[in-house]
Amino acid sequence: MTGSVDEDFLRAFHDSRPGEQSASVEASRTTTGRTSYEEFADLVPDARRVLDLGCADGGLLEVLARRGADVLAGVDLSEAELGLARRRPALAGADLRLGRAQELPFADASFDAVFSHMAFMLMTDVEQVVAEVARVLEPGGAFSVAVGGGAVEGEAMELFLSLAVPFFRAAGTMPRLGDRRSRTREGLDGLLGPAGFAPVTWEPVVIDMGGPPEHVWDRMTGSFYDMVVLGADQVADLRASFLDSVRAQASGGRVPCGMRVVHATTRLAT
């Protein structure tokens, strides 16, 4: 399987840390008390034949299986992530493939819904991804993507980024992941419309990642790919600065830390 420098980076990252994505999702809740996966699955409640692009260790597919999907498929760059997905009893019959979203190994009109949770926004050649999604969807099928919507103002993630971005820029070795158009409503409509998709719905949700200062630090370091390009001394300096600063936000030992995620959904023309 050949791909871009970006894909090589993502593959190596997830091969070395399989399962972290789902663990992070499961450890956080929205304002409704559910995970982002659960709220995401609600966007297409009638989905029965589903494909997850960037399925990682299968956490979202398991939620979709519990909601009644009986044909389950996933594609991911990381064999280590797929290895964990294959161990989930709910995915015993799932078709889980090592591969790229730009070259989907499925027949035309195979699915009534395609999902991609925080993965489509990292992909290159997004027009080709969209073309492949349109090909494997049946007419009227749904395409749902979750994209990052930024930090909640005045809380710990915003503080972390204000401290971390100078470190990230100084390191200067991080590949630029994804296409900025995939992270905005207007950009998504511009990408999806020519392939026959309707304008997206746009549903922001807030993920609560708060807790004790050390817990929040662990959540922040696991949320940003850029951390892997920092040396041990840089990480130690960033950690000290963050913990010194974030304690001023703590109330009763708990630091507020919110992240916005946007769930965008569209359907292919019939």
Protein backbone atom coordinates (compact mmCIF):
# COMPACT_ATOMS: atom_id res chain seq x y z
CA MET A 1 0.00 0.00 0.00
CA THR A 2 1.53 3.28 -1.10
CA GLY A 3 0.50 6.73 0.05
CA SER A 4 1.68 10.21 0.91
CA VAL A 5 4.11 11.43 3.55
CA ASP A 6 1.04 12.41 5.58
CA GLU A 7 -0.31 8.87 5.42
CA ASP A 8 3.06 7.39 6.37
CA PHE A 9 3.07 9.63 9.45
CA LEU A 10 -0.49 8.68 10.43
CA ARG A 11 0.19 4.98 9.88
CA ALA A 12 3.31 5.05 12.06
CA PHE A 13 1.55 7.08 14.76
CA HIS A 14 -1.42 4.73 15.03
CA ASP A 15 0.65 1.57 14.70
CA SER A 16 2.57 2.71 17.77
CA ARG A 17 -0.54 3.78 19.76
CA PRO A 18 -3.46 1.52 18.75
CA GLY A 19 -6.66 2.02 20.68
CA GLU A 20 -5.90 5.50 21.98
CA GLN A 21 -8.54 7.15 19.80
CA SER A 22 -11.43 5.07 21.12
CA ALA A 23 -10.11 5.27 24.68
CA SER A 24 -10.15 9.05 24.43
CA VAL A 25 -13.68 9.09 23.03
CA GLU A 26 -14.94 6.71 25.71
CA ALA A 27 -13.35 8.81 28.47
CA SER A 28 -15.21 11.97 27.43
CA ARG A 29 -18.87 12.91 27.28
CA THR A 30 -20.99 15.52 25.55
CA THR A 31 -23.48 17.72 27.39
CA THR A 32 -26.04 14.92 26.96
CA GLY A 33 -23.81 12.48 28.86
CA ARG A 34 -23.02 10.37 25.79
CA THR A 35 -19.86 9.85 23.78
CA SER A 36 -19.20 11.56 20.47
CA TYR A 37 -19.50 8.14 18.79
CA GLU A 38 -23.00 7.69 20.21
CA GLU A 39 -24.16 11.13 19.12
CA PHE A 40 -22.54 10.64 15.72
CA ALA A 41 -24.36 7.34 15.17
CA ASP A 42 -27.66 9.08 15.89
CA LEU A 43 -27.26 11.22 12.77
CA VAL A 44 -28.25 8.26 10.56
CA PRO A 45 -30.43 6.11 12.81
CA ASP A 46 -31.68 3.95 9.94
CA ALA A 47 -28.20 2.93 8.71
CA ARG A 48 -27.94 -0.80 8.09
CA ARG A 49 -25.04 -1.22 5.62
CA VAL A 50 -22.26 0.99 6.93
CA LEU A 51 -18.65 1.84 6.10
CA ASP A 52 -16.30 3.67 8.47
CA LEU A 53 -13.40 5.54 6.84
CA GLY A 54 -10.47 5.64 9.27
CA CYS A 55 -12.18 3.10 11.51
CA ALA A 56 -9.16 2.71 13.86
CA ASP A 57 -9.89 0.04 16.47
CA GLY A 58 -13.58 -0.20 15.59
CA GLY A 59 -15.14 1.80 18.41
CA LEU A 60 -17.63 3.61 16.17
CA LEU A 61 -18.46 0.47 14.21
CA GLU A 62 -19.32 -1.28 17.47
CA VAL A 63 -21.75 1.53 18.35
CA LEU A 64 -23.31 1.25 14.88
CA ALA A 65 -23.66 -2.51 15.33
CA ARG A 66 -25.52 -1.95 18.60
CA ARG A 67 -27.83 0.46 16.75
CA GLY A 68 -28.86 -2.22 14.28
CA ALA A 69 -26.37 -2.07 11.40
CA ASP A 70 -25.92 -5.60 10.10
CA VAL A 71 -23.40 -5.03 7.29
CA LEU A 72 -20.26 -3.48 8.79
CA ALA A 73 -17.10 -2.47 6.97
CA GLY A 74 -14.08 -0.36 7.83
CA VAL A 75 -10.90 0.90 6.20
CA ASP A 76 -7.82 2.11 8.03
CA LEU A 77 -4.13 2.75 7.34
CA SER A 78 -2.99 1.03 10.54
CA GLU A 79 -2.76 -2.74 10.80
CA ALA A 80 -2.32 -2.43 14.57
CA GLU A 81 -5.62 -0.56 14.90
CA LEU A 82 -7.39 -3.10 12.69
CA GLY A 83 -5.96 -5.89 14.82
CA LEU A 84 -7.78 -4.47 17.84
CA ALA A 85 -10.96 -3.97 15.82
CA ARG A 86 -10.97 -7.62 14.79
CA ARG A 87 -10.94 -8.66 18.46
CA ARG A 88 -14.26 -6.93 19.19
CA PRO A 89 -16.98 -9.60 19.38
CA ALA A 90 -19.53 -7.21 17.86
CA LEU A 91 -17.32 -6.95 14.75
CA ALA A 92 -16.75 -10.67 14.23
CA GLY A 93 -18.46 -10.52 10.85
CA ALA A 94 -17.22 -7.07 9.80
CA ASP A 95 -15.22 -6.54 6.61
CA LEU A 96 -12.17 -4.68 7.92
CA ARG A 97 -9.57 -3.72 5.33
CA LEU A 98 -6.10 -2.22 5.41
CA GLY A 99 -6.31 0.49 2.79
CA ARG A 100 -6.82 4.07 1.68
CA ALA A 101 -10.08 5.99 1.42
CA GLN A 102 -8.93 7.16 -2.02
CA GLU A 103 -9.05 3.55 -3.30
CA LEU A 104 -11.96 1.82 -1.59
CA PRO A 105 -12.02 -1.96 -2.15
CA PHE A 106 -15.82 -2.20 -2.30
CA ALA A 107 -18.37 -2.49 -5.09
CA ASP A 108 -20.58 0.35 -6.30
CA ALA A 109 -23.65 1.12 -4.14
CA SER A 110 -22.52 -1.26 -1.38
CA PHE A 111 -23.61 0.93 1.57
CA ASP A 112 -26.48 3.11 2.72
CA ALA A 113 -24.21 5.15 5.02
CA VAL A 114 -20.53 6.11 5.18
CA PHE A 115 -19.08 7.59 8.37
CA SER A 116 -15.73 9.18 9.16
CA HIS A 117 -15.07 10.35 12.72
CA MET A 118 -12.17 12.86 12.91
CA ALA A 119 -10.44 11.13 9.98
CA PHE A 120 -11.75 12.69 6.76
CA MET A 121 -10.27 16.01 7.90
CA LEU A 122 -6.79 14.40 7.91
CA MET A 123 -6.97 12.95 4.40
CA THR A 124 -5.18 14.09 1.26
CA ASP A 125 -6.69 14.01 -2.24
CA VAL A 126 -10.09 14.70 -0.70
CA GLU A 127 -11.83 15.08 -4.07
CA GLN A 128 -10.85 11.47 -4.79
CA VAL A 129 -12.11 10.38 -1.37
CA VAL A 130 -15.44 12.10 -2.05
CA ALA A 131 -15.67 10.43 -5.48
CA GLU A 132 -15.07 7.03 -3.88
CA VAL A 133 -17.68 7.68 -1.18
CA ALA A 134 -20.22 8.65 -3.86
CA ARG A 135 -19.38 5.48 -5.78
CA VAL A 136 -19.85 3.04 -2.89
CA LEU A 137 -23.01 4.74 -1.56
CA GLU A 138 -26.42 3.83 -2.88
CA PRO A 139 -28.53 6.76 -4.20
CA GLY A 140 -29.93 8.66 -1.24
CA GLY A 141 -27.24 7.25 1.05
CA ALA A 142 -25.79 9.32 3.89
CA PHE A 143 -22.24 10.58 4.36
CA SER A 144 -21.42 11.80 7.88
CA VAL A 145 -18.13 13.29 9.02
CA ALA A 146 -16.99 14.54 12.40
CA VAL A 147 -14.43 17.35 12.31
CA GLY A 148 -12.66 19.30 15.03
CA GLY A 149 -14.29 22.60 15.90
CA GLY A 150 -11.63 24.06 18.19
CA ALA A 151 -11.25 24.71 21.90
CA VAL A 152 -13.92 26.17 24.15
CA GLU A 153 -12.85 29.71 24.93
CA GLY A 154 -11.36 30.40 28.35
CA GLU A 155 -10.81 26.73 29.21
CA ALA A 156 -7.80 24.46 29.45
CA MET A 157 -7.53 23.37 25.80
CA GLU A 158 -7.32 26.98 24.68
CA LEU A 159 -4.61 27.59 27.29
CA PHE A 160 -2.74 24.45 26.23
CA LEU A 161 -2.70 25.54 22.58
CA SER A 162 -1.50 29.04 23.44
CA LEU A 163 1.48 27.47 25.20
CA ALA A 164 2.05 24.54 22.83
CA VAL A 165 1.86 26.17 19.39
CA PRO A 166 5.22 27.97 19.77
CA PHE A 167 6.82 24.62 20.68
CA PHE A 168 5.18 22.95 17.67
CA ARG A 169 6.35 25.69 15.31
CA ALA A 170 9.89 25.57 16.65
CA ALA A 171 10.04 21.81 16.05
CA GLY A 172 9.03 22.35 12.43
CA THR A 173 8.98 18.67 11.40
CA MET A 174 5.25 17.94 11.49
CA PRO A 175 3.60 17.13 8.15
CA ARG A 176 0.59 19.26 7.27
CA LEU A 177 -2.34 16.91 7.65
CA GLY A 178 -5.48 17.08 5.58
CA ASP A 179 -7.21 19.73 3.51
CA ARG A 180 -8.50 22.85 5.25
CA ARG A 181 -11.68 22.74 3.18
CA SER A 182 -12.77 19.57 4.96
CA ARG A 183 -12.97 21.46 8.29
CA THR A 184 -15.54 24.12 7.37
CA ARG A 185 -19.17 24.02 6.31
CA GLU A 186 -18.51 26.02 3.17
CA GLY A 187 -15.48 23.92 2.31
CA LEU A 188 -17.37 20.66 2.72
CA ASP A 189 -20.23 21.88 0.54
CA GLY A 190 -17.71 22.92 -2.10
CA LEU A 191 -16.10 19.47 -2.04
CA LEU A 192 -19.29 17.43 -1.85
CA GLY A 193 -21.65 19.32 -4.14
CA PRO A 194 -19.91 18.48 -7.45
CA ALA A 195 -20.12 14.77 -6.56
CA GLY A 196 -23.89 14.94 -6.16
CA PHE A 197 -24.26 15.53 -2.43
CA ALA A 198 -26.73 17.93 -0.81
CA PRO A 199 -25.50 20.77 1.46
CA VAL A 200 -24.39 19.44 4.82
CA THR A 201 -26.21 19.79 8.09
CA TRP A 202 -23.86 21.27 10.72
CA GLU A 203 -24.26 20.19 14.35
CA PRO A 204 -21.61 21.38 16.84
CA VAL A 205 -21.26 19.45 20.10
CA VAL A 206 -18.99 20.14 23.07
CA ILE A 207 -16.84 17.35 24.48
CA ASP A 208 -15.98 17.62 28.19
CA MET A 209 -12.35 16.67 28.73
CA GLY A 210 -12.04 18.30 32.15
CA GLY A 211 -10.68 16.87 35.38
CA PRO A 212 -7.69 17.23 37.70
CA PRO A 213 -4.74 19.14 36.17
CA GLU A 214 -2.61 16.03 35.52
CA HIS A 215 -5.58 14.27 33.91
CA VAL A 216 -6.17 17.23 31.61
CA TRP A 217 -2.49 17.30 30.68
CA ASP A 218 -2.67 13.63 29.70
CA ARG A 219 -5.79 14.31 27.62
CA MET A 220 -4.15 17.24 25.84
CA THR A 221 -0.96 15.36 25.01
CA GLY A 222 -3.02 12.52 23.55
CA SER A 223 -5.20 14.85 21.47
CA PHE A 224 -2.58 16.48 19.25
CA TYR A 225 -0.41 14.63 16.76
CA ASP A 226 2.15 17.45 17.00
CA MET A 227 3.30 16.22 20.41
CA VAL A 228 5.32 13.42 18.80
CA VAL A 229 7.72 15.90 17.16
CA LEU A 230 8.76 17.41 20.50
CA GLY A 231 11.83 16.25 22.36
CA ALA A 232 11.75 15.13 25.97
CA ASP A 233 13.05 18.49 27.25
CA GLN A 234 10.43 20.39 25.24
CA VAL A 235 7.66 18.18 26.59
CA ALA A 236 8.90 18.68 30.13
CA ASP A 237 9.01 22.46 29.69
CA LEU A 238 5.55 22.54 28.13
CA ARG A 239 4.14 20.34 30.89
CA ALA A 240 5.56 22.56 33.63
CA SER A 241 4.22 25.73 31.98
CA PHE A 242 0.79 24.21 31.40
CA LEU A 243 0.36 22.82 34.92
CA ASP A 244 1.55 26.06 36.52
CA SER A 245 -0.94 28.05 34.43
CA VAL A 246 -3.90 25.69 34.47
CA ARG A 247 -4.15 25.41 38.24
CA ALA A 248 -5.55 28.94 38.28
CA GLN A 249 -8.56 27.60 36.36
CA ALA A 250 -9.21 24.75 38.81
CA SER A 251 -12.30 24.73 41.00
CA GLY A 252 -12.48 22.04 43.64
CA GLY A 253 -9.48 20.37 42.02
CA ARG A 254 -11.19 20.16 38.63
CA VAL A 255 -10.06 22.05 35.52
CA PRO A 256 -12.68 22.85 32.85
CA CYS A 257 -11.57 21.67 29.42
CA GLY A 258 -13.96 21.68 26.49
CA MET A 259 -13.40 20.79 22.84
CA ARG A 260 -15.87 21.41 20.05
CA VAL A 261 -16.59 18.68 17.51
CA VAL A 262 -18.87 19.28 14.54
CA HIS A 263 -21.01 16.49 13.09
CA ALA A 264 -21.78 17.19 9.43
CA THR A 265 -24.13 15.03 7.38
CA THR A 266 -25.27 15.00 3.77
CA ARG A 267 -27.03 12.64 1.38
CA LEU A 268 -26.25 11.59 -2.14
CA ALA A 269 -28.77 12.59 -4.76
CA THR A 270 -31.26 9.92 -5.82
